[in-house]
Amino acid sequence: MKNIDTFKSYHISRKIKEGIKKKKNLTFEETKTTNWKGDKVGKIGIHIWVKKWKGAPNICEQCGKVIENPSDIHWHNIDHKYRRVLDDYIRLCRKCHGEKNKQLHKQRLENYKKLLNK
């Protein structure tokens, strides 16, 4: 009886491994799940996607500071459109990220004021 159980478990695990191999050979389009949002994903989802493809940042690209704590360094979206374009993201420490966002908000406010004055 023990030999039959061993054979069954071996056979089942072999089938699972073959199924995994087949899935790895599929293209991205073939493996999309029903939860896939594509470009309609939110900011958090995009940042998770960037971290998956670019890794966890540890050096600020603006000031060059090496950061040990992962929560003190972020992926900053340059144009704030949050598209799936990896070149549109840079590594910034918390301080530089805040400064960049302040600059962006000031620029948007000035543009808005110009529109109101026309």
N, C-alpha and C. Protein backbone atom coordinates (compact mmCIF):
# COMPACT_ATOMS: atom_id res chain seq x y z
N MET A 1 0.82 -1.19 0.00
CA MET A 1 0.00 0.00 0.00
C MET A 1 0.86 1.25 0.00
N LYS A 2 1.97 1.23 0.74
CA LYS A 2 2.86 2.38 0.83
C LYS A 2 3.49 2.68 -0.52
N ASN A 3 3.84 1.66 -1.27
CA ASN A 3 4.45 1.86 -2.59
C ASN A 3 3.49 2.54 -3.55
N ILE A 4 2.19 2.19 -3.44
CA ILE A 4 1.18 2.80 -4.31
C ILE A 4 1.03 4.29 -3.98
N ASP A 5 1.00 4.65 -2.68
CA ASP A 5 0.89 6.05 -2.27
C ASP A 5 2.09 6.86 -2.73
N THR A 6 3.27 6.29 -2.63
CA THR A 6 4.49 6.96 -3.08
C THR A 6 4.44 7.19 -4.58
N PHE A 7 3.97 6.18 -5.32
CA PHE A 7 3.87 6.31 -6.77
C PHE A 7 2.88 7.41 -7.14
N LYS A 8 1.71 7.45 -6.46
CA LYS A 8 0.70 8.46 -6.74
C LYS A 8 1.23 9.87 -6.47
N SER A 9 1.89 10.07 -5.34
CA SER A 9 2.39 11.41 -5.01
C SER A 9 3.48 11.84 -5.98
N TYR A 10 4.34 10.89 -6.40
CA TYR A 10 5.38 11.20 -7.39
C TYR A 10 4.74 11.59 -8.71
N HIS A 11 3.75 10.81 -9.14
CA HIS A 11 3.09 11.04 -10.42
C HIS A 11 2.36 12.39 -10.43
N ILE A 12 1.68 12.72 -9.33
CA ILE A 12 0.96 13.99 -9.22
C ILE A 12 1.93 15.17 -9.23
N SER A 13 3.02 15.08 -8.46
CA SER A 13 3.97 16.19 -8.42
C SER A 13 4.64 16.36 -9.78
N ARG A 14 4.86 15.28 -10.52
CA ARG A 14 5.45 15.38 -11.85
C ARG A 14 4.50 16.10 -12.80
N LYS A 15 3.20 15.82 -12.69
CA LYS A 15 2.21 16.49 -13.54
C LYS A 15 2.15 17.98 -13.22
N ILE A 16 2.24 18.33 -11.95
CA ILE A 16 2.23 19.73 -11.54
C ILE A 16 3.44 20.45 -12.12
N LYS A 17 4.62 19.83 -12.02
CA LYS A 17 5.84 20.43 -12.56
C LYS A 17 5.73 20.63 -14.06
N GLU A 18 5.15 19.67 -14.78
CA GLU A 18 4.97 19.81 -16.23
C GLU A 18 4.03 20.97 -16.54
N GLY A 19 2.96 21.11 -15.73
CA GLY A 19 2.03 22.22 -15.92
C GLY A 19 2.70 23.56 -15.70
N ILE A 20 3.57 23.67 -14.71
CA ILE A 20 4.30 24.90 -14.44
C ILE A 20 5.22 25.23 -15.60
N LYS A 21 5.89 24.23 -16.13
CA LYS A 21 6.77 24.45 -17.28
C LYS A 21 5.99 24.98 -18.46
N LYS A 22 4.82 24.43 -18.70
CA LYS A 22 4.00 24.90 -19.81
C LYS A 22 3.58 26.35 -19.60
N LYS A 23 3.21 26.72 -18.36
CA LYS A 23 2.81 28.10 -18.07
C LYS A 23 3.96 29.08 -18.27
N LYS A 24 5.18 28.65 -17.95
CA LYS A 24 6.33 29.54 -18.10
C LYS A 24 6.59 29.86 -19.56
N ASN A 25 6.21 28.97 -20.46
CA ASN A 25 6.44 29.18 -21.88
C ASN A 25 5.36 30.02 -22.54
N LEU A 26 4.30 30.35 -21.81
CA LEU A 26 3.23 31.17 -22.36
C LEU A 26 3.67 32.62 -22.45
N THR A 27 3.10 33.34 -23.40
CA THR A 27 3.40 34.78 -23.51
C THR A 27 2.61 35.51 -22.44
N PHE A 28 2.93 36.78 -22.25
CA PHE A 28 2.25 37.59 -21.23
C PHE A 28 0.76 37.69 -21.53
N GLU A 29 0.39 37.87 -22.78
CA GLU A 29 -1.01 38.00 -23.16
C GLU A 29 -1.80 36.74 -22.79
N GLU A 30 -1.18 35.58 -22.90
CA GLU A 30 -1.86 34.32 -22.61
C GLU A 30 -2.03 34.09 -21.12
N THR A 31 -1.22 34.74 -20.28
CA THR A 31 -1.30 34.50 -18.84
C THR A 31 -2.04 35.59 -18.09
N LYS A 32 -2.64 36.55 -18.78
CA LYS A 32 -3.39 37.62 -18.10
C LYS A 32 -4.52 37.01 -17.27
N THR A 33 -4.68 37.54 -16.09
CA THR A 33 -5.78 37.08 -15.24
C THR A 33 -6.95 38.04 -15.37
N THR A 34 -8.06 37.68 -14.77
CA THR A 34 -9.23 38.56 -14.82
C THR A 34 -9.02 39.79 -13.95
N ASN A 35 -8.06 39.75 -13.04
CA ASN A 35 -7.77 40.90 -12.17
C ASN A 35 -6.83 41.91 -12.82
N TRP A 36 -6.31 41.61 -13.99
CA TRP A 36 -5.35 42.50 -14.66
C TRP A 36 -6.05 43.79 -15.07
N LYS A 37 -5.49 44.95 -14.64
CA LYS A 37 -6.10 46.24 -14.93
C LYS A 37 -5.37 46.99 -16.03
N GLY A 38 -4.19 46.54 -16.41
CA GLY A 38 -3.45 47.21 -17.47
C GLY A 38 -3.04 48.61 -17.06
N ASP A 39 -3.32 49.58 -17.91
CA ASP A 39 -2.95 50.98 -17.63
C ASP A 39 -3.96 51.68 -16.73
N LYS A 40 -5.06 51.03 -16.37
CA LYS A 40 -6.06 51.63 -15.51
C LYS A 40 -5.77 51.41 -14.03
N VAL A 41 -4.59 50.90 -13.72
CA VAL A 41 -4.21 50.62 -12.34
C VAL A 41 -3.93 51.93 -11.61
N GLY A 42 -4.07 51.92 -10.29
CA GLY A 42 -3.84 53.12 -9.49
C GLY A 42 -2.37 53.34 -9.17
N LYS A 43 -2.09 54.36 -8.37
CA LYS A 43 -0.72 54.73 -8.03
C LYS A 43 0.00 53.61 -7.29
N ILE A 44 -0.69 52.99 -6.34
CA ILE A 44 -0.05 51.93 -5.55
C ILE A 44 0.30 50.74 -6.44
N GLY A 45 -0.61 50.36 -7.30
CA GLY A 45 -0.36 49.24 -8.21
C GLY A 45 0.80 49.51 -9.14
N ILE A 46 0.88 50.74 -9.65
CA ILE A 46 1.99 51.11 -10.54
C ILE A 46 3.31 51.05 -9.78
N HIS A 47 3.34 51.54 -8.54
CA HIS A 47 4.58 51.52 -7.77
C HIS A 47 5.01 50.08 -7.46
N ILE A 48 4.05 49.21 -7.22
CA ILE A 48 4.38 47.78 -7.02
C ILE A 48 4.97 47.21 -8.29
N TRP A 49 4.40 47.57 -9.43
CA TRP A 49 4.89 47.10 -10.73
C TRP A 49 6.31 47.60 -10.99
N VAL A 50 6.56 48.89 -10.69
CA VAL A 50 7.90 49.46 -10.89
C VAL A 50 8.91 48.75 -9.99
N LYS A 51 8.53 48.53 -8.74
CA LYS A 51 9.44 47.86 -7.80
C LYS A 51 9.75 46.45 -8.27
N LYS A 52 8.76 45.78 -8.87
CA LYS A 52 8.96 44.42 -9.37
C LYS A 52 10.01 44.41 -10.48
N TRP A 53 9.95 45.39 -11.39
CA TRP A 53 10.83 45.39 -12.55
C TRP A 53 12.15 46.13 -12.32
N LYS A 54 12.16 47.14 -11.47
CA LYS A 54 13.39 47.90 -11.22
C LYS A 54 14.04 47.58 -9.89
N GLY A 55 13.35 46.84 -9.03
CA GLY A 55 13.91 46.46 -7.74
C GLY A 55 13.66 47.52 -6.68
N ALA A 56 14.11 47.22 -5.49
CA ALA A 56 13.95 48.15 -4.38
C ALA A 56 15.07 49.19 -4.44
N PRO A 57 14.74 50.46 -4.45
CA PRO A 57 15.78 51.49 -4.53
C PRO A 57 16.53 51.64 -3.21
N ASN A 58 17.81 51.99 -3.28
CA ASN A 58 18.56 52.27 -2.05
C ASN A 58 19.47 53.48 -2.18
N ILE A 59 19.57 54.08 -3.35
CA ILE A 59 20.39 55.28 -3.56
C ILE A 59 19.52 56.36 -4.21
N CYS A 60 19.53 57.54 -3.62
CA CYS A 60 18.78 58.67 -4.17
C CYS A 60 19.50 59.18 -5.42
N GLU A 61 18.76 59.32 -6.52
CA GLU A 61 19.37 59.77 -7.77
C GLU A 61 19.60 61.28 -7.80
N GLN A 62 19.00 62.01 -6.88
CA GLN A 62 19.19 63.46 -6.87
C GLN A 62 20.36 63.87 -5.96
N CYS A 63 20.37 63.39 -4.72
CA CYS A 63 21.43 63.81 -3.80
C CYS A 63 22.52 62.75 -3.63
N GLY A 64 22.31 61.53 -4.12
CA GLY A 64 23.31 60.48 -4.05
C GLY A 64 23.42 59.80 -2.70
N LYS A 65 22.51 60.08 -1.80
CA LYS A 65 22.53 59.53 -0.46
C LYS A 65 22.15 58.04 -0.49
N VAL A 66 22.91 57.21 0.24
CA VAL A 66 22.60 55.79 0.35
C VAL A 66 21.66 55.61 1.54
N ILE A 67 20.54 54.96 1.29
CA ILE A 67 19.50 54.80 2.29
C ILE A 67 19.43 53.33 2.71
N GLU A 68 19.48 53.10 4.01
CA GLU A 68 19.39 51.73 4.55
C GLU A 68 17.94 51.30 4.71
N ASN A 69 17.10 52.20 5.23
CA ASN A 69 15.70 51.88 5.51
C ASN A 69 14.88 51.99 4.22
N PRO A 70 14.25 50.90 3.77
CA PRO A 70 13.50 50.94 2.50
C PRO A 70 12.32 51.91 2.51
N SER A 71 11.78 52.24 3.68
CA SER A 71 10.64 53.16 3.71
C SER A 71 11.07 54.62 3.53
N ASP A 72 12.37 54.88 3.57
CA ASP A 72 12.87 56.25 3.42
C ASP A 72 13.26 56.60 1.99
N ILE A 73 13.05 55.69 1.05
CA ILE A 73 13.36 55.96 -0.36
C ILE A 73 12.20 55.48 -1.22
N HIS A 74 11.88 56.26 -2.25
CA HIS A 74 10.68 56.00 -3.04
C HIS A 74 10.98 56.04 -4.53
N TRP A 75 10.07 55.45 -5.30
CA TRP A 75 10.09 55.61 -6.74
C TRP A 75 9.25 56.85 -7.06
N HIS A 76 9.85 57.83 -7.71
CA HIS A 76 9.16 59.08 -8.06
C HIS A 76 8.80 59.07 -9.54
N ASN A 77 7.54 59.34 -9.84
CA ASN A 77 7.08 59.42 -11.23
C ASN A 77 7.37 60.82 -11.74
N ILE A 78 8.14 60.92 -12.80
CA ILE A 78 8.63 62.21 -13.30
C ILE A 78 7.49 63.08 -13.83
N ASP A 79 6.65 62.54 -14.70
CA ASP A 79 5.61 63.38 -15.30
C ASP A 79 4.25 63.30 -14.59
N HIS A 80 4.16 62.51 -13.54
CA HIS A 80 2.94 62.35 -12.73
C HIS A 80 1.74 61.90 -13.56
N LYS A 81 1.99 61.11 -14.60
CA LYS A 81 0.89 60.52 -15.38
C LYS A 81 0.69 59.06 -15.00
N TYR A 82 1.62 58.48 -14.27
CA TYR A 82 1.56 57.12 -13.75
C TYR A 82 1.22 56.10 -14.84
N ARG A 83 2.06 56.09 -15.88
CA ARG A 83 1.93 55.12 -16.95
C ARG A 83 2.92 53.98 -16.70
N ARG A 84 2.79 52.91 -17.42
CA ARG A 84 3.70 51.77 -17.29
C ARG A 84 4.93 51.99 -18.19
N VAL A 85 5.69 53.02 -17.85
CA VAL A 85 6.93 53.34 -18.57
C VAL A 85 8.03 53.38 -17.52
N LEU A 86 8.92 52.40 -17.53
CA LEU A 86 9.94 52.28 -16.48
C LEU A 86 10.91 53.45 -16.47
N ASP A 87 11.17 54.05 -17.64
CA ASP A 87 12.10 55.18 -17.70
C ASP A 87 11.52 56.45 -17.08
N ASP A 88 10.24 56.42 -16.74
CA ASP A 88 9.56 57.58 -16.19
C ASP A 88 9.63 57.60 -14.66
N TYR A 89 10.44 56.71 -14.06
CA TYR A 89 10.55 56.63 -12.60
C TYR A 89 12.00 56.77 -12.17
N ILE A 90 12.22 57.58 -11.12
CA ILE A 90 13.57 57.73 -10.56
C ILE A 90 13.52 57.45 -9.06
N ARG A 91 14.68 57.06 -8.52
CA ARG A 91 14.80 56.78 -7.08
C ARG A 91 15.07 58.10 -6.35
N LEU A 92 14.26 58.40 -5.34
CA LEU A 92 14.47 59.61 -4.55
C LEU A 92 14.31 59.30 -3.07
N CYS A 93 15.15 59.93 -2.25
CA CYS A 93 14.97 59.80 -0.80
C CYS A 93 13.72 60.59 -0.41
N ARG A 94 13.27 60.41 0.81
CA ARG A 94 12.04 61.06 1.27
C ARG A 94 12.12 62.58 1.14
N LYS A 95 13.27 63.17 1.49
CA LYS A 95 13.45 64.62 1.45
C LYS A 95 13.37 65.15 0.01
N CYS A 96 14.13 64.53 -0.89
CA CYS A 96 14.14 64.97 -2.30
C CYS A 96 12.78 64.74 -2.96
N HIS A 97 12.11 63.65 -2.60
CA HIS A 97 10.79 63.36 -3.15
C HIS A 97 9.80 64.46 -2.75
N GLY A 98 9.86 64.88 -1.49
CA GLY A 98 8.99 65.95 -1.03
C GLY A 98 9.26 67.26 -1.75
N GLU A 99 10.55 67.58 -1.96
CA GLU A 99 10.91 68.80 -2.67
C GLU A 99 10.42 68.78 -4.11
N LYS A 100 10.57 67.64 -4.79
CA LYS A 100 10.10 67.51 -6.18
C LYS A 100 8.60 67.71 -6.25
N ASN A 101 7.87 67.10 -5.31
CA ASN A 101 6.41 67.24 -5.32
C ASN A 101 6.00 68.67 -5.02
N LYS A 102 6.70 69.37 -4.13
CA LYS A 102 6.40 70.79 -3.85
C LYS A 102 6.58 71.62 -5.10
N GLN A 103 7.69 71.37 -5.85
CA GLN A 103 7.93 72.10 -7.09
C GLN A 103 6.80 71.86 -8.09
N LEU A 104 6.37 70.62 -8.19
CA LEU A 104 5.30 70.28 -9.13
C LEU A 104 4.00 70.98 -8.74
N HIS A 105 3.67 70.97 -7.45
CA HIS A 105 2.43 71.61 -7.00
C HIS A 105 2.48 73.12 -7.20
N LYS A 106 3.63 73.75 -6.96
CA LYS A 106 3.77 75.19 -7.21
C LYS A 106 3.55 75.50 -8.68
N GLN A 107 4.15 74.68 -9.54
CA GLN A 107 4.02 74.88 -10.98
C GLN A 107 2.55 74.73 -11.41
N ARG A 108 1.87 73.73 -10.89
CA ARG A 108 0.45 73.54 -11.23
C ARG A 108 -0.40 74.71 -10.74
N LEU A 109 -0.10 75.21 -9.54
CA LEU A 109 -0.84 76.34 -8.98
C LEU A 109 -0.64 77.60 -9.84
N GLU A 110 0.60 77.84 -10.27
CA GLU A 110 0.89 78.99 -11.13
C GLU A 110 0.15 78.87 -12.46
N ASN A 111 0.14 77.69 -13.04
CA ASN A 111 -0.57 77.47 -14.30
C ASN A 111 -2.08 77.70 -14.12
N TYR A 112 -2.62 77.26 -13.00
CA TYR A 112 -4.03 77.44 -12.71
C TYR A 112 -4.36 78.92 -12.55
N LYS A 113 -3.49 79.65 -11.85
CA LYS A 113 -3.70 81.10 -11.67
C LYS A 113 -3.65 81.83 -13.01
N LYS A 114 -2.75 81.41 -13.89
CA LYS A 114 -2.66 82.03 -15.21
C LYS A 114 -3.94 81.80 -16.00
N LEU A 115 -4.51 80.61 -15.89
CA LEU A 115 -5.76 80.31 -16.58
C LEU A 115 -6.91 81.18 -16.06
N LEU A 116 -6.94 81.42 -14.76
CA LEU A 116 -7.99 82.23 -14.17
C LEU A 116 -7.88 83.69 -14.57
N ASN A 117 -6.64 84.18 -14.76
CA ASN A 117 -6.41 85.60 -15.10
C ASN A 117 -6.67 85.91 -16.55
N LYS A 118 -6.80 84.92 -17.40
CA LYS A 118 -7.01 85.18 -18.84
C LYS A 118 -8.40 85.66 -19.13
